[in-house]
Protein backbone atom coordinates (compact mmCIF):
# COMPACT_ATOMS: atom_id res chain seq x y z
CA MET A 1 25.41 -38.57 37.64
CA LEU A 2 22.54 -39.74 35.46
CA GLN A 3 21.10 -43.14 36.39
CA PHE A 4 18.40 -43.46 33.75
CA CYS A 5 17.65 -41.80 30.43
CA CYS A 6 14.74 -42.16 28.03
CA LEU A 7 16.24 -41.80 24.56
CA GLY A 8 13.01 -41.31 22.66
CA PRO A 9 12.69 -41.00 19.72
CA GLN A 10 10.51 -37.92 19.38
CA ARG A 11 6.72 -38.32 19.17
CA THR A 12 6.61 -41.63 21.04
CA ALA A 13 4.85 -40.52 24.26
CA THR A 14 8.03 -39.18 25.87
CA SER A 15 6.11 -36.26 27.41
CA TRP A 16 3.62 -38.70 28.90
CA LEU A 17 6.46 -40.65 30.49
CA HIS A 18 8.11 -37.48 31.77
CA GLU A 19 4.86 -36.26 33.32
CA VAL A 20 4.23 -39.59 35.04
CA VAL A 21 7.77 -40.03 36.36
CA SER A 22 7.84 -36.44 37.66
CA HIS A 23 5.29 -37.54 40.28
CA HIS A 24 7.49 -40.32 41.66
CA PRO A 25 9.11 -39.30 44.97
CA GLN A 26 12.22 -41.38 44.28
CA ALA A 27 12.92 -39.86 40.85
CA CYS A 28 14.64 -36.55 40.19
CA LEU A 29 14.21 -35.02 36.73
CA PRO A 30 15.88 -31.86 35.38
CA ARG A 31 14.76 -28.67 37.09
CA GLY A 32 12.50 -26.41 35.07
CA VAL A 33 12.60 -28.26 31.77
CA LYS A 34 11.88 -31.64 30.21
CA GLU A 35 14.81 -31.73 27.77
CA THR A 36 18.19 -30.21 28.58
CA MET A 37 19.54 -31.31 25.19
CA PHE A 38 22.94 -31.35 26.86
CA PHE A 39 24.48 -34.48 25.38
CA ASP A 40 23.53 -33.72 21.78
CA ARG A 41 23.36 -29.92 21.38
CA ARG A 42 24.69 -28.15 24.47
CA SER A 43 27.65 -30.19 25.68
CA GLN A 44 29.92 -27.19 25.16
CA LYS A 45 28.28 -25.58 28.20
CA GLY A 46 30.07 -28.07 30.42
CA LEU A 47 29.06 -30.57 33.06
CA ASP A 48 28.55 -27.90 35.71
CA TRP A 49 25.79 -26.40 33.53
CA TYR A 50 24.19 -29.83 33.29
CA ARG A 51 24.57 -30.70 36.97
CA TRP A 52 22.73 -27.47 37.90
CA HIS A 53 19.53 -29.11 36.61
CA PHE A 54 19.76 -31.74 39.37
CA ASP A 55 20.99 -29.69 42.31
CA HIS A 56 17.53 -29.98 43.87
CA ALA A 57 17.89 -33.79 44.19
CA GLN A 58 17.22 -35.24 47.61
CA ALA A 59 19.07 -38.09 49.26
CA GLY A 60 18.07 -41.46 47.85
CA GLN A 61 16.60 -40.12 44.62
CA VAL A 62 17.74 -41.43 41.25
CA LEU A 63 18.61 -38.89 38.57
CA GLY A 64 17.07 -39.25 35.15
CA GLU A 65 16.16 -37.42 31.98
CA VAL A 66 13.61 -37.90 29.22
CA ALA A 67 15.57 -36.81 26.15
CA PRO A 68 13.96 -37.74 22.80
CA THR A 69 16.50 -35.84 20.70
CA TYR A 70 19.30 -38.15 21.86
CA PHE A 71 17.98 -41.16 19.94
CA ASP A 72 19.48 -40.37 16.54
CA SER A 73 22.60 -38.63 17.85
CA ARG A 74 25.80 -40.68 17.96
CA ASP A 75 27.51 -37.78 19.71
CA ALA A 76 24.93 -38.00 22.50
CA CYS A 77 25.48 -41.73 22.77
CA ASN A 78 29.26 -41.46 23.01
CA ARG A 79 29.20 -38.51 25.43
CA LEU A 80 26.70 -40.24 27.69
CA LYS A 81 28.87 -43.35 27.69
CA CYS A 82 31.82 -41.31 28.95
CA VAL A 83 29.85 -39.55 31.69
CA ALA A 84 27.44 -42.29 32.81
CA PRO A 85 28.59 -45.69 31.50
CA ASP A 86 26.14 -47.63 33.70
CA VAL A 87 23.07 -45.55 32.88
CA LYS A 88 19.81 -47.43 32.27
CA LEU A 89 18.33 -46.61 28.89
CA ILE A 90 14.67 -46.58 27.89
CA VAL A 91 13.66 -46.69 24.22
CA LEU A 92 10.04 -45.96 23.31
CA VAL A 93 8.74 -47.84 20.30
CA ARG A 94 6.00 -46.59 17.98
CA ASN A 95 4.88 -47.52 14.49
CA PRO A 96 7.53 -45.57 12.53
CA VAL A 97 5.07 -44.41 9.86
CA GLU A 98 2.70 -42.93 12.42
CA ARG A 99 5.61 -41.42 14.31
CA LEU A 100 6.94 -39.80 11.16
CA PHE A 101 3.64 -38.10 10.33
CA SER A 102 3.30 -36.91 13.92
CA LEU A 103 6.83 -35.49 13.76
CA TYR A 104 5.97 -33.64 10.56
CA ARG A 105 2.89 -32.08 12.17
CA HIS A 106 4.93 -31.15 15.23
CA HIS A 107 7.47 -29.18 13.21
CA LEU A 108 4.73 -27.74 11.01
CA SER A 109 3.00 -26.35 14.11
CA LYS A 110 6.23 -24.62 15.12
CA GLY A 111 6.74 -23.03 11.70
CA ARG A 112 9.89 -25.03 10.98
CA ILE A 113 8.23 -26.74 8.04
CA ARG A 114 5.95 -24.90 5.58
CA VAL A 115 5.35 -27.45 2.85
CA THR A 116 3.20 -30.52 2.35
CA PHE A 117 4.10 -33.83 3.95
CA GLU A 118 5.34 -35.32 0.67
CA GLU A 119 7.41 -32.22 -0.11
CA ALA A 120 8.91 -32.29 3.37
CA LEU A 121 9.97 -35.92 2.92
CA ASP A 122 11.90 -34.91 -0.20
CA SER A 123 13.46 -31.75 1.21
CA ASP A 124 14.32 -33.00 4.70
CA PRO A 125 15.58 -36.62 4.77
CA TRP A 126 16.10 -36.31 8.55
CA LEU A 127 12.37 -36.78 9.07
CA ILE A 128 12.73 -40.39 7.93
CA SER A 129 16.26 -41.09 9.14
CA SER A 130 15.51 -39.93 12.68
CA GLY A 131 13.16 -42.88 13.21
CA ARG A 132 15.45 -45.68 12.03
CA TYR A 133 15.36 -48.15 14.90
CA SER A 134 17.56 -50.58 12.97
CA VAL A 135 20.25 -47.88 12.72
CA HIS A 136 20.06 -45.78 15.86
CA ALA A 137 18.90 -48.30 18.46
CA ALA A 138 21.43 -50.74 17.04
CA TYR A 139 24.19 -48.16 17.45
CA TRP A 140 23.26 -47.44 21.08
CA GLU A 141 23.34 -51.18 21.73
CA SER A 142 26.80 -51.42 20.21
CA VAL A 143 28.05 -48.86 22.75
CA PHE A 144 26.14 -49.97 25.85
CA SER A 145 25.37 -53.53 26.99
CA SER A 146 22.03 -55.10 26.10
CA GLY A 147 21.09 -55.41 29.77
CA GLN A 148 20.99 -51.62 30.08
CA PHE A 149 17.98 -51.28 27.77
CA LEU A 150 14.25 -51.31 28.34
CA TYR A 151 11.99 -51.10 25.29
CA ILE A 152 8.43 -49.83 25.78
CA LEU A 153 5.80 -50.06 23.06
CA GLN A 154 3.39 -47.16 22.75
CA ASP A 155 0.66 -49.73 22.13
CA ASP A 156 1.33 -51.07 25.64
CA ILE A 157 1.05 -47.57 27.08
CA GLN A 158 -2.35 -47.21 25.47
CA CYS A 159 -3.56 -50.64 26.59
CA SER A 160 -1.97 -51.05 30.02
CA PRO A 161 -0.36 -47.83 31.25
CA GLN A 162 -0.06 -49.05 34.85
CA ALA A 163 1.80 -52.17 33.73
CA VAL A 164 4.20 -49.97 31.74
CA VAL A 165 4.84 -47.78 34.77
CA ASP A 166 5.49 -50.89 36.88
CA ARG A 167 8.03 -52.18 34.33
CA PHE A 168 9.73 -48.81 34.25
CA CYS A 169 10.00 -48.63 38.05
CA ASP A 170 11.35 -52.17 38.29
CA PHE A 171 13.92 -51.46 35.60
CA VAL A 172 15.11 -48.17 37.08
CA GLY A 173 15.15 -49.57 40.60
CA ILE A 174 12.52 -47.42 42.30
CA GLY A 175 9.37 -48.51 44.07
CA ARG A 176 6.20 -49.15 42.13
CA PHE A 177 3.51 -46.52 42.54
CA GLU A 178 -0.02 -45.94 41.35
CA LEU A 179 -0.32 -44.22 37.99
CA PRO A 180 -0.98 -40.57 38.88
CA ASP A 181 -4.04 -38.74 37.63
CA VAL A 182 -2.08 -36.15 35.72
CA GLY A 183 -3.39 -33.37 33.57
CA TYR A 184 -1.69 -33.00 30.22
CA GLU A 185 -1.08 -29.73 28.46
CA ARG A 186 -2.06 -30.69 24.93
CA ILE A 187 -0.76 -28.82 21.91
CA ASN A 188 -2.86 -29.49 18.84
CA SER A 189 -0.09 -30.40 16.42
CA ALA A 190 -2.67 -31.49 13.84
CA THR A 191 -3.01 -27.87 12.73
CA ALA A 192 -0.66 -25.54 10.92
CA PRO A 193 0.01 -22.18 12.58
CA VAL A 194 -1.81 -19.03 11.51
CA SER A 195 1.56 -17.41 10.89
CA PRO A 196 4.48 -19.81 10.33
CA THR A 197 6.93 -16.92 10.64
CA VAL A 198 5.64 -15.89 14.07
CA ALA A 199 5.41 -19.52 15.22
CA ARG A 200 9.01 -20.15 14.16
CA LEU A 201 10.17 -16.97 15.88
CA PHE A 202 8.41 -18.02 19.08
CA SER A 203 9.97 -21.49 18.90
CA ALA A 204 13.46 -20.12 18.23
CA THR A 205 13.15 -17.63 21.08
CA SER A 206 12.04 -20.42 23.42
CA THR A 207 15.09 -22.45 22.41
CA LEU A 208 17.44 -19.55 23.18
CA LEU A 209 15.80 -18.96 26.55
CA ARG A 210 16.10 -22.64 27.46
CA SER A 211 19.75 -22.63 26.44
CA ALA A 212 20.26 -19.81 28.94
CA ARG A 213 18.25 -21.79 31.55
CA MET A 214 15.57 -19.08 31.57
CA TYR A 215 12.86 -21.69 31.94
CA THR A 216 10.60 -19.51 34.06
CA VAL A 217 10.19 -17.02 31.22
CA VAL A 218 9.17 -19.81 28.83
CA HIS A 219 6.66 -21.19 31.32
CA CYS A 220 5.17 -17.72 31.87
CA ALA A 221 4.72 -17.26 28.13
CA LYS A 222 2.89 -20.57 27.93
CA ARG A 223 0.64 -19.68 30.85
CA LEU A 224 -0.24 -16.41 29.12
CA GLY A 225 -1.40 -18.46 26.12
CA LEU A 226 1.18 -17.12 23.67
CA LYS A 227 2.16 -20.55 22.39
CA ALA A 228 -1.43 -21.65 21.84
CA ALA A 229 -2.23 -18.37 20.09
CA PHE A 230 0.45 -19.02 17.48
CA SER A 231 -0.10 -22.77 17.00
CA GLY A 232 -3.76 -23.04 15.95
CA GLY A 233 -4.71 -22.72 12.30
CA ARG A 234 -5.76 -24.70 9.27
CA GLU A 235 -6.23 -28.44 9.42
CA VAL A 236 -3.48 -30.66 8.03
CA PRO A 237 -4.66 -33.18 5.42
CA PRO A 238 -4.24 -36.83 6.44
CA MET A 239 -1.49 -38.92 4.92
CA CYS A 240 -2.52 -40.39 1.57
CA GLU A 241 -2.57 -44.16 1.28
CA ARG A 242 0.02 -44.21 -1.50
CA THR A 243 2.51 -42.34 0.68
CA ARG A 244 1.66 -44.58 3.62
CA SER A 245 2.36 -47.70 1.57
CA GLN A 246 5.68 -46.32 0.36
CA LEU A 247 6.72 -45.47 3.92
CA MET A 248 5.68 -48.89 5.20
CA ALA A 249 8.09 -50.39 2.68
CA GLU A 250 10.76 -47.86 3.64
CA PHE A 251 10.55 -48.77 7.32
CA ALA A 252 10.20 -52.54 6.81
CA PRO A 253 13.83 -53.21 7.92
CA ASP A 254 13.21 -51.28 11.14
CA VAL A 255 10.05 -53.22 11.93
CA ARG A 256 11.89 -56.49 11.31
CA TRP A 257 14.75 -55.34 13.56
CA LEU A 258 12.34 -54.56 16.37
CA GLU A 259 10.57 -57.90 15.96
CA HIS A 260 13.87 -59.74 16.21
CA ARG A 261 15.19 -57.63 19.10
CA LEU A 262 12.01 -57.77 21.16
CA GLY A 263 10.74 -61.18 20.14
CA ILE A 264 7.31 -59.87 19.18
CA ASP A 265 5.09 -59.90 16.10
CA LEU A 266 4.45 -56.47 14.59
CA ALA A 267 2.64 -57.76 11.51
CA GLY A 268 -0.16 -55.27 12.10
CA TRP A 269 2.21 -52.41 11.43
CA ARG A 270 3.14 -53.85 8.05
CA SER A 271 -0.32 -54.91 6.89
CA GLU A 272 -2.30 -51.91 8.09
CA GLY A 273 0.36 -49.23 8.47
CA ARG A 274 -1.26 -48.00 11.65
CA SER A 275 -1.98 -49.09 15.19
CA THR A 276 -5.44 -50.40 16.01
CA ILE A 277 -4.98 -50.27 19.78
CA ILE A 278 -7.81 -48.53 21.64
CA GLY A 279 -6.96 -46.64 24.80
CA PRO A 280 -5.94 -43.23 26.13
CA ASP A 281 -4.47 -41.11 23.36
CA VAL A 282 -0.82 -40.43 24.15
CA SER A 283 0.36 -40.31 20.53
CA GLU A 284 0.98 -36.55 20.45
CA TYR A 285 2.88 -36.29 23.73
């Protein structure tokens, strides 16, 4: 069963990690899809449904999943504990204010949100609660032992991606390898869709197809450019400084929790509200 799992949260370079790890010969990721969503949304399908995603594994490979929707799900945590109690867990860490705005743009691009950022914060509290490291990471650590966790800062990915990959390999127990020269399919989540209704319909249909393990159909639609055709549109205004300041205060307990847990200084997140690291842009993956 599963030997490592990246918990997310969403919009913290999980797709970058998935793409990199997929090139490692000793790692086996789910067949046909990045996120099975089994432990949080599809557990009723049964373990045989989940195991199908790994039936291509070769001898000696370790099984793993990059699953950003698990982070804020206590059900996922408890189910994973029952199935794979010794699993190694990776938590990606990003400035929670930046992550939140990226998450908003992500759902806006899919037609799930149709209002301004400030209106969305009022109407959908999950946007904020989903990034609470002091709540969700703390809960995972109450269920699993502290030695089962590896925390990776997105700033480190931007500055020293090879060093991050080396740490990941050492933690999971697979050989180090050179960071692959991968090409990333980039979805411009900084724009709202031309038609939110069509974008939402496309997203909902993709979800149903994935639930039925019809991953080939989804991939064909992407290759035909259907997803890109529905996602591009008007530019999204940047976050206003007043909202940024309010959110910095809102997430202050989470930043303090991370500083204490990781033994690092994240003062830049509090004083500036944004990362100043220069490097390859993985923030939207």
